Amino acid sequence: MAGTNPRVTVITLGGTISMSGSTGLVAPTLSAADLVAAIPGLDGTDIDVHVRDLMRIPGGSLTFTDILTVHDAIREELEQGSTGTVVVQGTDTIEESAYLLQLLHDAAGPIVVTGAMRNPTQPSPDGPANLLAAIRVAADERSRGRGCLVVLNDQVHAARHVAKTHTIATNAFASGASGPLGWVVEGEVRYGHPPVPRATKPRRPLRPTSPATVGMITATLGDDGSWISDFAQRFDGLVVAGFGAGHVPMTWADHLEKACAQQPVVLASRITTGPSLTNTYGFTGSESDLISRGLIPSGDLGPYKARVLLWALLADSTSPAGIRAAFTEHNHA
């Protein structure tokens, strides 16, 4: 609305940014109002900030159902006039929760996910700066139509590409070969890339009465895979985090082919940067061998995001052919 200040709603879920304690150990206790009150320089902006507390839990305890609840809250805030929303959570699961929000979100108003690597009891906590940058990004007109973004360390990342790459550093988040979409410099949001087409999302709001379950198995040296068949029976779908460009021990191949007869199995790479291949290597357990046995290539989606996409598709009752087509579409979006 021309002539009015942008309105941003800050939704808090907990995490390091909201932690406090007096015994040397910390837990999530701070409210959204507490976090916003601790931001230096916010009063000097023209942004109207509203707060909404949803949860106060560590990032590693969030569930798919929690993120559906968050998206409901985001939709409500945007419908009630917010320019954009900021989701504050623990960094442990940001790359997964942000990607699920990206899949669910079809409104123009941006979602910006942020958190902190240093809790407020430590010297130079990064939470206030991250939250201020996230609020600026959510309020910026150029963020519209970009879906879900992740903002930390004054960098703006696409939810599809961002990953946590360090356990404690304040510059822990990176977007691999893609790099960040933009930066916050002297309070100004600067984008280096235009908005890109959005990939397929579930066709209707997800309300699974029996939530889908997706397991993930990681290829490791010397593992014969004899346990895979029993493990696979526990899940509706599987993601394989293979070696290199998408390889597994040759002893795994028959077990994974058997699993493909029962459920969708997606092949990704355990390497953090770079795509899995489809047609380069030809040995047993190679990417081409596994695809010929029925595995679905994840392309440049790493195993964690591939698991999120597979879960969303299964929860949306997508057919096997539709699942395969969705992964193809996501790798060309």
Protein backbone atom coordinates (compact mmCIF):
# COMPACT_ATOMS: atom_id res chain seq x y z
CA MET A 1 0.00 0.00 0.00
CA ALA A 2 1.57 3.26 -1.14
CA GLY A 3 2.27 5.82 1.55
CA THR A 4 2.24 3.37 4.43
CA ASN A 5 5.07 1.78 6.35
CA PRO A 6 5.85 -1.87 5.60
CA ARG A 7 4.58 -4.25 8.25
CA VAL A 8 6.62 -7.32 9.20
CA THR A 9 5.47 -10.04 11.59
CA VAL A 10 8.17 -11.86 13.55
CA ILE A 11 7.15 -15.44 14.41
CA THR A 12 9.33 -17.21 16.97
CA LEU A 13 9.88 -20.94 17.36
CA GLY A 14 12.84 -20.92 19.77
CA GLY A 15 16.43 -21.91 19.10
CA THR A 16 19.81 -20.49 20.09
CA ILE A 17 18.72 -16.94 19.34
CA SER A 18 16.10 -17.16 22.10
CA MET A 19 18.14 -18.95 24.74
CA SER A 20 19.11 -17.77 28.19
CA GLY A 21 20.39 -19.28 31.42
CA SER A 22 22.34 -18.53 34.58
CA THR A 23 24.27 -21.77 35.15
CA GLY A 24 26.37 -21.81 32.01
CA LEU A 25 23.80 -23.91 30.16
CA VAL A 26 21.06 -22.28 28.11
CA ALA A 27 17.54 -23.15 26.95
CA PRO A 28 14.98 -21.33 24.74
CA THR A 29 13.08 -18.93 27.01
CA LEU A 30 12.99 -15.52 25.32
CA SER A 31 9.82 -14.32 23.62
CA ALA A 32 9.45 -12.61 20.27
CA ALA A 33 8.99 -9.32 22.08
CA ASP A 34 12.23 -9.90 24.01
CA LEU A 35 14.13 -10.56 20.78
CA VAL A 36 12.74 -7.51 18.98
CA ALA A 37 13.43 -5.27 21.99
CA ALA A 38 17.11 -6.29 21.86
CA ILE A 39 17.63 -5.08 18.28
CA PRO A 40 19.73 -1.92 18.13
CA GLY A 41 18.69 0.49 15.41
CA LEU A 42 15.25 -0.94 14.73
CA ASP A 43 13.57 2.25 15.91
CA GLY A 44 15.42 4.14 13.18
CA THR A 45 13.66 2.22 10.42
CA ASP A 46 10.20 2.84 8.99
CA ILE A 47 9.18 -0.79 9.50
CA ASP A 48 6.15 -1.61 11.63
CA VAL A 49 7.12 -4.81 13.48
CA HIS A 50 4.56 -7.15 15.05
CA VAL A 51 5.38 -10.25 17.07
CA ARG A 52 3.85 -13.69 17.42
CA ASP A 53 5.11 -16.48 19.68
CA LEU A 54 4.34 -19.97 18.42
CA MET A 55 6.88 -22.23 20.15
CA ARG A 56 9.99 -22.17 22.31
CA ILE A 57 11.86 -25.32 21.43
CA PRO A 58 15.29 -26.22 20.03
CA GLY A 59 15.55 -26.39 16.25
CA GLY A 60 16.31 -30.10 16.31
CA SER A 61 12.95 -30.83 17.96
CA LEU A 62 10.84 -29.24 15.21
CA THR A 63 8.63 -31.58 13.17
CA PHE A 64 6.97 -31.49 9.77
CA THR A 65 3.67 -30.82 11.53
CA ASP A 66 5.22 -27.85 13.32
CA ILE A 67 6.25 -26.34 9.99
CA LEU A 68 2.72 -26.80 8.65
CA THR A 69 1.51 -24.87 11.71
CA VAL A 70 4.07 -22.15 11.02
CA HIS A 71 2.90 -21.85 7.44
CA ASP A 72 -0.71 -21.50 8.60
CA ALA A 73 0.41 -18.61 10.83
CA ILE A 74 2.33 -17.01 7.96
CA ARG A 75 -0.70 -17.22 5.69
CA GLU A 76 -2.86 -15.55 8.35
CA GLU A 77 -0.37 -12.72 8.85
CA LEU A 78 -0.06 -12.03 5.14
CA GLU A 79 -3.84 -12.08 4.71
CA GLN A 80 -4.12 -9.59 7.56
CA GLY A 81 -1.80 -7.12 5.84
CA SER A 82 1.77 -8.03 6.66
CA THR A 83 4.25 -7.16 3.94
CA GLY A 84 6.35 -10.16 4.89
CA THR A 85 7.09 -12.49 7.78
CA VAL A 86 10.23 -13.48 9.66
CA VAL A 87 10.50 -16.94 11.20
CA VAL A 88 13.02 -17.20 14.04
CA GLN A 89 14.22 -20.71 14.86
CA GLY A 90 17.18 -22.87 15.78
CA THR A 91 19.79 -23.15 13.05
CA ASP A 92 20.08 -26.96 13.26
CA THR A 93 17.13 -27.48 10.91
CA ILE A 94 16.88 -24.18 9.03
CA GLU A 95 17.91 -25.67 5.69
CA GLU A 96 15.10 -28.24 5.93
CA SER A 97 12.31 -26.14 7.44
CA ALA A 98 12.99 -23.22 5.08
CA TYR A 99 12.85 -25.52 2.07
CA LEU A 100 9.54 -27.00 3.21
CA LEU A 101 8.15 -23.47 3.64
CA GLN A 102 9.37 -22.72 0.11
CA LEU A 103 7.46 -25.73 -1.22
CA LEU A 104 4.28 -24.74 0.62
CA HIS A 105 4.30 -21.02 -0.05
CA ASP A 106 2.59 -19.53 -3.11
CA ALA A 107 1.91 -15.98 -1.93
CA ALA A 108 3.98 -12.99 -3.05
CA GLY A 109 4.79 -11.83 0.47
CA PRO A 110 8.20 -13.19 1.46
CA ILE A 111 9.07 -15.56 4.27
CA VAL A 112 12.48 -14.92 5.81
CA VAL A 113 13.98 -17.51 8.15
CA THR A 114 16.75 -16.54 10.55
CA GLY A 115 18.41 -17.59 13.79
CA ALA A 116 21.73 -17.25 15.58
CA MET A 117 24.94 -19.13 16.10
CA ARG A 118 25.76 -17.41 19.41
CA ASN A 119 23.21 -17.28 22.21
CA PRO A 120 22.47 -13.98 23.99
CA THR A 121 24.65 -14.86 27.02
CA GLN A 122 27.80 -15.05 24.88
CA PRO A 123 30.06 -12.17 23.82
CA SER A 124 28.92 -10.53 20.58
CA PRO A 125 25.73 -12.54 20.02
CA ASP A 126 24.72 -12.44 16.36
CA GLY A 127 20.98 -12.78 16.93
CA PRO A 128 20.05 -9.07 17.00
CA ALA A 129 21.97 -8.32 13.79
CA ASN A 130 20.51 -11.36 12.03
CA LEU A 131 16.99 -10.47 13.10
CA LEU A 132 17.35 -6.85 12.00
CA ALA A 133 18.68 -7.94 8.61
CA ALA A 134 15.85 -10.47 8.24
CA ILE A 135 13.25 -7.81 9.06
CA ARG A 136 14.77 -5.47 6.46
CA VAL A 137 14.66 -8.22 3.83
CA ALA A 138 11.05 -9.15 4.66
CA ALA A 139 10.02 -5.49 4.38
CA ASP A 140 11.78 -4.88 1.06
CA GLU A 141 9.59 -4.71 -2.04
CA ARG A 142 12.24 -6.58 -4.06
CA SER A 143 11.80 -9.64 -1.84
CA ARG A 144 8.26 -10.18 -3.09
CA GLY A 145 7.80 -13.26 -5.23
CA ARG A 146 10.99 -14.91 -3.99
CA GLY A 147 9.25 -17.40 -1.69
CA CYS A 148 11.25 -18.38 1.37
CA LEU A 149 14.64 -16.80 2.04
CA VAL A 150 17.25 -17.45 4.71
CA VAL A 151 19.13 -14.49 6.18
CA LEU A 152 22.15 -14.74 8.46
CA ASN A 153 25.45 -12.87 8.60
CA ASP A 154 23.96 -10.14 6.35
CA GLN A 155 23.62 -12.62 3.47
CA VAL A 156 20.35 -13.51 1.73
CA HIS A 157 20.09 -17.13 0.61
CA ALA A 158 17.51 -19.07 -1.38
CA ALA A 159 15.88 -21.77 0.75
CA ARG A 160 16.48 -24.29 -2.03
CA HIS A 161 20.27 -23.92 -1.96
CA VAL A 162 21.26 -22.89 1.55
CA ALA A 163 22.98 -25.29 3.94
CA LYS A 164 24.59 -25.11 7.35
CA THR A 165 28.30 -25.71 6.81
CA HIS A 166 29.87 -25.10 10.23
CA THR A 167 28.88 -26.06 13.77
CA ILE A 168 29.67 -22.78 15.54
CA ALA A 169 30.91 -20.07 13.14
CA THR A 170 28.72 -17.02 12.57
CA ASN A 171 29.17 -17.45 8.81
CA ALA A 172 27.92 -21.03 9.03
CA PHE A 173 25.38 -20.76 6.20
CA ALA A 174 26.31 -20.92 2.52
CA SER A 175 24.67 -21.70 -0.81
CA GLY A 176 27.37 -23.78 -2.44
CA ALA A 177 28.06 -23.09 -6.08
CA SER A 178 24.98 -20.86 -6.37
CA GLY A 179 26.16 -18.34 -3.80
CA PRO A 180 23.87 -15.93 -1.93
CA LEU A 181 21.05 -14.11 -3.69
CA GLY A 182 21.94 -10.83 -2.03
CA TRP A 183 23.29 -8.95 0.95
CA VAL A 184 22.27 -6.36 3.50
CA VAL A 185 24.73 -3.46 3.29
CA GLU A 186 24.46 -0.35 5.50
CA GLY A 187 20.82 -1.21 6.10
CA GLU A 188 20.02 -1.60 2.41
CA VAL A 189 18.95 -4.88 0.80
CA ARG A 190 20.92 -5.52 -2.36
CA TYR A 191 20.03 -8.42 -4.64
CA GLY A 192 22.50 -9.77 -7.17
CA HIS A 193 19.95 -12.02 -8.88
CA PRO A 194 16.37 -11.53 -10.08
CA PRO A 195 13.55 -13.75 -8.82
CA VAL A 196 13.54 -17.18 -10.47
CA PRO A 197 10.59 -19.42 -11.40
CA ARG A 198 9.19 -21.37 -8.50
CA ALA A 199 9.33 -25.17 -8.54
CA THR A 200 6.35 -27.48 -8.03
CA LYS A 201 4.71 -27.48 -4.66
CA PRO A 202 1.92 -29.69 -3.28
CA ARG A 203 -1.33 -28.88 -5.05
CA ARG A 204 -3.34 -28.33 -1.90
CA PRO A 205 -2.66 -27.47 1.76
CA LEU A 206 -1.10 -30.46 3.50
CA ARG A 207 -3.20 -31.92 6.27
CA PRO A 208 -1.99 -35.52 6.44
CA THR A 209 -4.06 -37.52 8.89
CA SER A 210 -1.39 -40.23 8.80
CA PRO A 211 1.84 -38.30 8.17
CA ALA A 212 4.21 -39.85 5.70
CA THR A 213 7.50 -41.24 6.97
CA VAL A 214 10.71 -40.93 5.00
CA GLY A 215 13.93 -42.63 6.06
CA MET A 216 17.44 -41.69 5.02
CA ILE A 217 20.44 -43.98 4.67
CA THR A 218 24.01 -42.83 4.13
CA ALA A 219 26.63 -44.79 2.24
CA THR A 220 29.75 -45.44 4.35
CA LEU A 221 32.96 -47.35 3.88
CA GLY A 222 32.64 -51.11 4.36
CA ASP A 223 28.85 -51.25 4.93
CA ASP A 224 27.41 -54.32 3.18
CA GLY A 225 23.82 -53.02 3.29
CA SER A 226 22.38 -56.27 4.64
CA TRP A 227 20.14 -54.27 6.95
CA ILE A 228 18.53 -52.14 4.22
CA SER A 229 15.55 -54.37 3.45
CA ASP A 230 14.41 -54.53 7.08
CA PHE A 231 15.02 -50.79 7.54
CA ALA A 232 13.08 -49.86 4.40
CA GLN A 233 9.93 -51.61 5.65
CA ARG A 234 9.54 -48.98 8.36
CA PHE A 235 9.01 -46.10 5.92
CA ASP A 236 6.81 -44.86 3.10
CA GLY A 237 9.83 -43.63 1.19
CA LEU A 238 13.64 -43.60 1.33
CA VAL A 239 16.44 -41.21 0.47
CA VAL A 240 19.91 -42.60 -0.18
CA ALA A 241 22.85 -40.29 0.49
CA GLY A 242 25.44 -41.90 -1.74
CA PHE A 243 29.14 -41.45 -2.20
CA GLY A 244 30.42 -38.83 -4.65
CA ALA A 245 28.10 -38.30 -7.60
CA GLY A 246 25.58 -40.87 -6.34
CA HIS A 247 27.28 -44.21 -5.74
CA VAL A 248 26.85 -46.95 -3.14
CA PRO A 249 28.70 -50.18 -2.32
CA MET A 250 27.91 -52.82 -4.94
CA THR A 251 26.41 -55.03 -2.22
CA TRP A 252 23.70 -52.40 -1.71
CA ALA A 253 22.35 -52.52 -5.26
CA ASP A 254 20.05 -55.54 -4.96
CA HIS A 255 18.71 -54.38 -1.58
CA LEU A 256 17.84 -50.96 -2.98
CA GLU A 257 16.22 -52.47 -6.07
CA LYS A 258 14.02 -54.56 -3.78
CA ALA A 259 13.10 -51.44 -1.79
CA CYS A 260 12.10 -49.65 -5.01
CA ALA A 261 9.43 -52.29 -5.58
CA GLN A 262 7.76 -51.22 -2.33
CA GLN A 263 8.22 -47.43 -2.14
CA PRO A 264 9.88 -44.47 -3.87
CA VAL A 265 13.64 -44.37 -3.29
CA VAL A 266 15.52 -41.17 -4.12
CA LEU A 267 19.24 -41.11 -4.86
CA ALA A 268 21.23 -38.09 -3.67
CA SER A 269 24.85 -37.42 -2.80
CA ARG A 270 26.24 -37.06 0.70
CA ILE A 271 28.59 -34.36 -0.66
CA THR A 272 27.39 -30.88 0.29
CA THR A 273 28.07 -29.17 -3.06
CA GLY A 274 27.39 -30.36 -6.59
CA PRO A 275 24.73 -32.48 -8.30
CA SER A 276 24.35 -36.22 -8.39
CA LEU A 277 24.88 -37.65 -11.88
CA THR A 278 22.68 -39.87 -14.05
CA ASN A 279 24.73 -41.31 -16.89
CA THR A 280 28.50 -41.26 -16.34
CA TYR A 281 29.52 -44.34 -14.36
CA GLY A 282 28.43 -47.88 -15.26
CA PHE A 283 29.55 -50.21 -12.47
CA THR A 284 27.24 -52.03 -10.06
CA GLY A 285 26.19 -49.48 -7.46
CA SER A 286 26.90 -46.52 -9.74
CA GLU A 287 24.36 -43.80 -10.40
CA SER A 288 23.32 -45.22 -13.80
CA ASP A 289 22.98 -48.72 -12.36
CA LEU A 290 20.85 -47.54 -9.46
CA ILE A 291 18.61 -45.43 -11.69
CA SER A 292 18.09 -48.43 -13.98
CA ARG A 293 16.94 -50.35 -10.89
CA GLY A 294 14.27 -47.74 -10.13
CA LEU A 295 15.92 -45.11 -7.92
CA ILE A 296 14.90 -41.50 -8.57
CA PRO A 297 17.81 -39.07 -9.10
CA SER A 298 17.72 -35.98 -6.89
CA GLY A 299 19.85 -33.82 -9.18
CA ASP A 300 21.25 -30.88 -7.23
CA LEU A 301 18.99 -31.44 -4.24
CA GLY A 302 21.07 -32.73 -1.34
CA PRO A 303 19.72 -35.60 0.76
CA TYR A 304 18.14 -33.42 3.46
CA LYS A 305 16.14 -31.34 1.00
CA ALA A 306 15.36 -34.40 -1.12
CA ARG A 307 13.85 -35.97 2.00
CA VAL A 308 11.70 -32.87 2.59
CA LEU A 309 10.42 -32.88 -1.00
CA LEU A 310 9.68 -36.60 -0.89
CA TRP A 311 7.82 -36.19 2.39
CA ALA A 312 5.71 -33.35 0.98
CA LEU A 313 4.83 -35.35 -2.12
CA LEU A 314 3.91 -38.47 -0.13
CA ALA A 315 1.87 -36.41 2.32
CA ASP A 316 0.05 -34.95 -0.69
CA SER A 317 -0.75 -38.50 -1.90
CA THR A 318 1.27 -38.00 -5.07
CA SER A 319 1.43 -41.02 -7.37
CA PRO A 320 4.77 -42.78 -8.01
CA ALA A 321 4.85 -41.28 -11.51
CA GLY A 322 4.04 -37.88 -10.07
CA ILE A 323 6.87 -38.15 -7.55
CA ARG A 324 9.36 -38.93 -10.28
CA ALA A 325 8.04 -36.04 -12.40
CA ALA A 326 8.23 -33.65 -9.46
CA PHE A 327 11.91 -34.40 -8.87
CA THR A 328 12.55 -33.86 -12.57
CA GLU A 329 10.73 -30.54 -12.46
CA HIS A 330 12.59 -29.38 -9.35
CA ASN A 331 15.87 -30.07 -11.09
CA HIS A 332 14.92 -27.88 -14.04
CA ALA A 333 13.43 -24.99 -12.06
